[in-house]
Protein backbone atom coordinates (compact mmCIF):
# COMPACT_ATOMS: atom_id res chain seq x y z
CA UNK A 1 8.54 28.49 4.83
CA UNK A 2 10.61 27.22 7.58
CA UNK A 3 11.85 23.57 7.17
CA UNK A 4 11.31 21.05 10.19
CA UNK A 5 14.76 20.06 11.61
CA UNK A 6 16.19 16.52 11.72
CA UNK A 7 13.93 15.56 14.68
CA UNK A 8 11.05 16.84 12.82
CA UNK A 9 8.88 20.06 13.04
CA UNK A 10 7.55 21.72 16.05
CA UNK A 11 5.05 20.05 18.33
CA UNK A 12 2.33 22.10 17.09
CA UNK A 13 3.00 20.70 13.43
CA UNK A 14 3.09 17.14 14.27
CA UNK A 15 -0.10 14.96 15.42
CA UNK A 16 0.89 12.28 17.76
CA UNK A 17 3.76 10.15 16.39
CA UNK A 18 3.08 10.59 12.70
CA UNK A 19 6.12 10.49 10.61
CA UNK A 20 7.03 13.35 8.54
CA UNK A 21 6.28 12.83 4.81
CA UNK A 22 8.85 14.29 2.47
CA UNK A 23 7.00 14.43 -1.10
CA UNK A 24 9.76 15.22 -3.76
CA UNK A 25 8.31 16.37 -7.24
CA UNK A 26 10.09 17.54 -10.31
CA UNK A 27 8.58 20.20 -12.49
CA UNK A 28 9.12 22.42 -15.43
CA UNK A 29 7.65 25.52 -16.83
CA UNK A 30 5.20 24.78 -19.45
CA UNK A 31 1.40 25.29 -20.52
CA UNK A 32 0.12 22.59 -18.07
CA UNK A 33 2.31 23.21 -15.10
CA UNK A 34 0.03 25.30 -13.15
CA UNK A 35 -2.83 22.59 -13.69
CA UNK A 36 -0.22 19.89 -12.37
CA UNK A 37 0.82 21.66 -9.41
CA UNK A 38 -2.54 22.81 -8.23
CA UNK A 39 -3.72 19.19 -8.59
CA UNK A 40 -0.99 17.69 -6.68
CA UNK A 41 -1.19 20.32 -4.08
CA UNK A 42 -5.15 19.79 -3.59
CA UNK A 43 -4.23 16.11 -2.97
CA UNK A 44 -1.45 16.84 -0.36
CA UNK A 45 -3.72 19.30 1.37
CA UNK A 46 -5.98 16.30 2.14
CA UNK A 47 -3.07 14.27 3.72
CA UNK A 48 -2.76 14.37 7.43
CA UNK A 49 0.39 16.45 8.44
CA UNK A 50 3.21 16.70 8.83
CA UNK A 51 3.77 16.76 5.13
CA UNK A 52 6.79 18.69 3.36
CA UNK A 53 6.46 18.99 -0.40
CA UNK A 54 9.83 19.55 -2.00
CA UNK A 55 9.22 20.87 -5.60
CA UNK A 56 12.29 21.19 -7.99
CA UNK A 57 12.13 23.35 -11.01
CA UNK A 58 13.95 22.49 -14.15
CA UNK A 59 15.88 25.64 -14.34
CA UNK A 60 15.41 28.80 -12.12
CA UNK A 61 12.30 29.04 -9.92
CA UNK A 62 9.59 31.00 -11.62
CA UNK A 63 7.30 33.45 -9.86
CA UNK A 64 4.27 31.78 -11.49
CA UNK A 65 4.95 28.44 -9.97
CA UNK A 66 5.85 29.97 -6.58
CA UNK A 67 2.51 31.68 -6.50
CA UNK A 68 0.61 28.47 -7.50
CA UNK A 69 2.60 26.63 -4.73
CA UNK A 70 1.47 29.22 -2.04
CA UNK A 71 -1.89 28.89 -3.11
CA UNK A 72 -2.10 25.31 -2.20
CA UNK A 73 -1.35 26.22 1.57
CA UNK A 74 0.91 23.03 1.62
CA UNK A 75 4.09 23.48 3.54
CA UNK A 76 6.81 23.32 0.79
CA UNK A 77 10.21 24.12 -0.27
CA UNK A 78 10.65 25.31 -3.80
CA UNK A 79 14.07 25.18 -5.41
CA UNK A 80 15.75 25.40 -8.89
CA UNK A 81 18.00 22.99 -10.58
CA UNK A 82 20.20 22.44 -13.61
CA UNK A 83 20.21 26.16 -14.47
CA UNK A 84 23.86 25.68 -15.50
CA UNK A 85 22.70 23.06 -18.03
CA UNK A 86 20.17 25.51 -19.61
CA UNK A 87 17.34 23.34 -18.37
CA UNK A 88 14.56 25.78 -18.89
CA UNK A 89 15.64 26.15 -22.60
CA UNK A 90 15.80 22.46 -23.26
CA UNK A 91 12.34 20.98 -23.06
CA UNK A 92 13.05 17.86 -24.90
CA UNK A 93 15.86 16.86 -22.27
CA UNK A 94 14.90 14.73 -19.16
CA UNK A 95 16.34 16.63 -16.23
CA UNK A 96 14.41 14.77 -13.78
CA UNK A 97 17.41 12.74 -12.24
CA UNK A 98 19.13 15.92 -11.70
CA UNK A 99 15.88 17.35 -10.23
CA UNK A 100 15.47 14.40 -7.75
CA UNK A 101 18.88 14.62 -6.64
CA UNK A 102 18.49 18.24 -5.79
CA UNK A 103 15.41 17.21 -3.65
CA UNK A 104 17.56 14.66 -2.00
CA UNK A 105 20.10 17.46 -1.17
CA UNK A 106 17.48 19.14 0.57
CA UNK A 107 16.50 16.17 2.57
CA UNK A 108 19.99 15.35 3.41
CA UNK A 109 21.40 18.70 4.09
CA UNK A 110 18.55 19.36 6.74
CA UNK A 111 18.62 15.98 8.07
CA UNK A 112 14.88 15.70 7.68
CA UNK A 113 13.85 12.55 9.55
CA UNK A 114 10.89 10.93 7.75
CA UNK A 115 9.65 9.03 4.86
CA UNK A 116 10.99 10.02 1.25
CA UNK A 117 8.48 9.60 -1.83
CA UNK A 118 8.98 10.74 -5.21
CA UNK A 119 5.77 11.89 -6.78
CA UNK A 120 5.66 12.84 -10.41
CA UNK A 121 3.29 15.43 -11.51
CA UNK A 122 1.31 13.19 -14.00
CA UNK A 123 0.39 10.66 -11.16
CA UNK A 124 -3.01 10.21 -9.46
CA UNK A 125 -2.61 9.51 -5.89
CA UNK A 126 -5.31 7.98 -3.35
CA UNK A 127 -5.14 9.17 0.29
CA UNK A 128 -4.74 5.73 1.58
CA UNK A 129 -1.28 5.85 0.02
CA UNK A 130 0.05 8.27 2.24
CA UNK A 131 -1.20 6.58 5.23
CA UNK A 132 0.61 3.47 4.11
CA UNK A 133 3.88 5.37 3.54
CA UNK A 134 4.02 6.32 7.11
CA UNK A 135 4.06 2.64 8.10
CA UNK A 136 7.22 2.06 6.15
CA UNK A 137 10.40 1.20 8.47
CA UNK A 138 13.17 1.18 5.99
CA UNK A 139 12.01 0.60 2.45
CA UNK A 140 8.63 -0.08 0.96
CA UNK A 141 7.31 -0.75 -2.64
CA UNK A 142 3.94 -1.56 -4.30
CA UNK A 143 2.58 -2.01 -7.69
CA UNK A 144 1.84 1.09 -10.06
CA UNK A 145 -0.18 0.79 -13.26
CA UNK A 146 0.76 3.21 -16.13
CA UNK A 147 -1.86 4.25 -18.84
CA UNK A 148 -0.21 4.09 -22.11
CA UNK A 149 -0.04 7.01 -24.44
CA UNK A 150 -3.38 7.43 -26.09
CA UNK A 151 -5.30 5.49 -23.11
CA UNK A 152 -5.52 2.28 -25.04
CA UNK A 153 -3.72 -0.02 -22.56
CA UNK A 154 -2.35 -0.40 -19.08
CA UNK A 155 0.98 -1.52 -17.96
CA UNK A 156 1.55 -2.72 -14.25
CA UNK A 157 4.91 -2.46 -12.86
CA UNK A 158 5.86 -3.45 -9.35
CA UNK A 159 6.16 -6.26 -6.63
CA UNK A 160 4.14 -9.43 -6.41
CA UNK A 161 3.87 -10.16 -2.56
CA UNK A 162 3.12 -12.78 -0.10
CA UNK A 163 1.88 -10.78 2.92
CA UNK A 164 4.39 -8.23 3.12
CA UNK A 165 7.30 -10.14 1.44
CA UNK A 166 8.42 -9.35 -2.23
CA UNK A 167 8.31 -12.93 -3.99
CA UNK A 168 8.33 -11.54 -7.60
CA UNK A 169 7.84 -8.73 -10.06
CA UNK A 170 5.31 -7.57 -12.59
CA UNK A 171 7.00 -6.38 -15.79
CA UNK A 172 5.89 -4.95 -18.98
CA UNK A 173 7.76 -7.61 -21.16
CA UNK A 174 11.07 -9.33 -22.13
CA UNK A 175 12.87 -6.05 -22.58
CA UNK A 176 12.54 -5.18 -19.00
CA UNK A 177 13.80 -8.47 -17.70
CA UNK A 178 17.29 -7.21 -17.50
CA UNK A 179 16.25 -4.90 -14.51
CA UNK A 180 17.17 -6.12 -11.14
CA UNK A 181 14.08 -4.46 -9.28
CA UNK A 182 11.03 -3.70 -11.60
CA UNK A 183 9.91 -0.52 -9.69
CA UNK A 184 7.99 2.48 -10.91
CA UNK A 185 9.68 5.70 -9.72
CA UNK A 186 6.41 6.43 -7.94
CA UNK A 187 6.10 2.85 -6.45
CA UNK A 188 8.42 2.87 -3.68
CA UNK A 189 9.35 5.13 -0.65
CA UNK A 190 12.18 4.90 1.83
CA UNK A 191 13.22 6.12 5.22
CA UNK A 192 15.32 9.40 4.81
CA UNK A 193 17.85 8.43 7.32
CA UNK A 194 19.26 5.75 4.70
CA UNK A 195 20.61 8.87 3.05
CA UNK A 196 23.15 9.42 5.66
CA UNK A 197 23.24 6.56 8.06
CA UNK A 198 25.50 3.74 6.57
CA UNK A 199 24.15 1.31 9.11
CA UNK A 200 21.00 1.18 7.14
CA UNK A 201 22.60 0.29 4.00
CA UNK A 202 25.92 -1.44 4.64
CA UNK A 203 26.48 -2.78 1.09
CA UNK A 204 26.71 0.84 -0.20
CA UNK A 205 27.92 2.49 2.96
CA UNK A 206 30.70 4.64 1.27
CA UNK A 207 28.30 5.98 -1.29
CA UNK A 208 25.95 8.96 -1.56
CA UNK A 209 22.66 7.90 -2.47
CA UNK A 210 21.81 9.89 -5.74
CA UNK A 211 19.96 9.09 -9.19
CA UNK A 212 22.72 8.22 -11.70
CA UNK A 213 22.32 11.01 -14.33
CA UNK A 214 23.68 9.04 -17.03
CA UNK A 215 21.38 5.96 -17.23
CA UNK A 216 19.37 4.17 -19.90
CA UNK A 217 15.49 5.17 -20.00
CA UNK A 218 13.52 2.71 -18.08
CA UNK A 219 16.53 1.80 -15.61
CA UNK A 220 16.23 4.86 -13.47
CA UNK A 221 14.20 3.17 -10.80
CA UNK A 222 16.08 -0.08 -10.35
CA UNK A 223 19.37 1.84 -10.50
CA UNK A 224 18.48 4.10 -7.43
CA UNK A 225 16.71 1.21 -5.62
CA UNK A 226 20.06 -1.04 -5.78
CA UNK A 227 21.75 1.66 -3.78
CA UNK A 228 19.38 1.36 -0.95
CA UNK A 229 18.76 -2.50 -0.81
CA UNK A 230 20.62 -5.61 -1.62
CA UNK A 231 17.74 -7.89 -2.35
CA UNK A 232 14.01 -8.26 -1.81
CA UNK A 233 14.45 -9.41 1.70
CA UNK A 234 15.06 -5.76 2.69
CA UNK A 235 11.74 -4.40 1.17
CA UNK A 236 8.39 -4.38 2.48
CA UNK A 237 5.55 -4.76 0.15
CA UNK A 238 2.58 -2.67 0.78
CA UNK A 239 -0.20 -3.32 1.64
CA UNK A 240 -0.38 -6.87 2.43
CA UNK A 241 -0.17 -9.10 -0.47
CA UNK A 242 0.45 -5.93 -2.56
CA UNK A 243 -3.42 -6.16 -3.23
CA UNK A 244 -4.44 -2.67 -3.91
CA UNK A 245 -3.67 -0.01 -6.55
CA UNK A 246 -2.90 3.07 -4.67
CA UNK A 247 -1.45 5.35 -7.24
CA UNK A 248 -1.61 5.67 -11.09
CA UNK A 249 0.76 6.99 -13.64
CA UNK A 250 -1.23 8.83 -16.32
CA UNK A 251 0.98 10.63 -19.05
CA UNK A 252 -0.36 13.81 -20.08
CA UNK A 253 0.43 13.09 -23.74
CA UNK A 254 1.89 16.41 -24.68
CA UNK A 255 4.97 17.85 -23.23
CA UNK A 256 5.00 21.07 -25.62
CA UNK A 257 6.54 23.88 -23.79
CA UNK A 258 3.96 26.23 -25.42
CA UNK A 259 0.55 24.81 -26.05
CA UNK A 260 -0.35 21.01 -26.54
CA UNK A 261 -2.06 20.19 -29.89
CA UNK A 262 -5.70 21.47 -29.99
CA UNK A 263 -5.25 24.10 -27.13
CA UNK A 264 -5.05 27.05 -29.44
CA UNK A 265 -7.68 28.00 -31.96
CA UNK A 266 -7.47 30.52 -34.73
CA UNK A 267 -10.93 29.97 -36.19
CA UNK A 268 -14.02 32.17 -35.53
CA UNK A 269 -12.09 34.66 -33.29
CA UNK A 270 -13.72 37.53 -35.39
CA UNK A 271 -17.20 36.54 -35.04
CA UNK A 272 -18.82 38.99 -32.61
CA UNK A 273 -22.60 39.05 -31.85
CA UNK A 274 -23.40 42.31 -30.54
CA UNK A 275 -26.26 42.72 -27.62
CA UNK A 276 -29.32 44.20 -29.04
């Protein structure tokens, strides 16, 4: 599918002055991939256009995922990543920083003018979230709850706000106090022009904005955000007072590349009841 240019897509594809939403999603081949892509696609189909869904495969793009994406009827770009690192054969390795960087390269190379949002497959997203994203002028953030493995608890991560000013942070415990910004990866979005316009990020004007590929687990979000903003004064808390939960992170629980526990059955497969 044709990508919109730096000024956005054609007039027919835009409604009024709506900003282009650029949703970047890392994925990888596994038993539950079709389920995740279908669910995410059905959500994005309900979002007012223009929306571009950039899906990045860990490894080479697969025909199965490509077919699933076409079925969603969402404008998308499907690319592969990390094949030189043998990503498709290394399910235990987290290649998401590489994948998100591949998505950023699509945005930057095509000078796509809009709002960039990293939406993971395991997330559950409300439609009002995407309306809020279009209101972001530079960098916006909001709180995101994560359901713990097993579903026995919820951890809230993200900003505490007074109106749209960030005045503090929700954090999950003392271990995370070393982070500068306590943001979930699906709890912020930013103007895409920050990737190539140094005037919007003067403190890092000489750097390319990318996810560090060697960083401690749990610090990916803050390390990336530190490249975009200097402090909380350059952030917009959304909505006012950060008073709403607009998306959830819900880990599936099993990342088996074949089938999660309990999905396969070897019992009673030979029992056949014939028709009389």
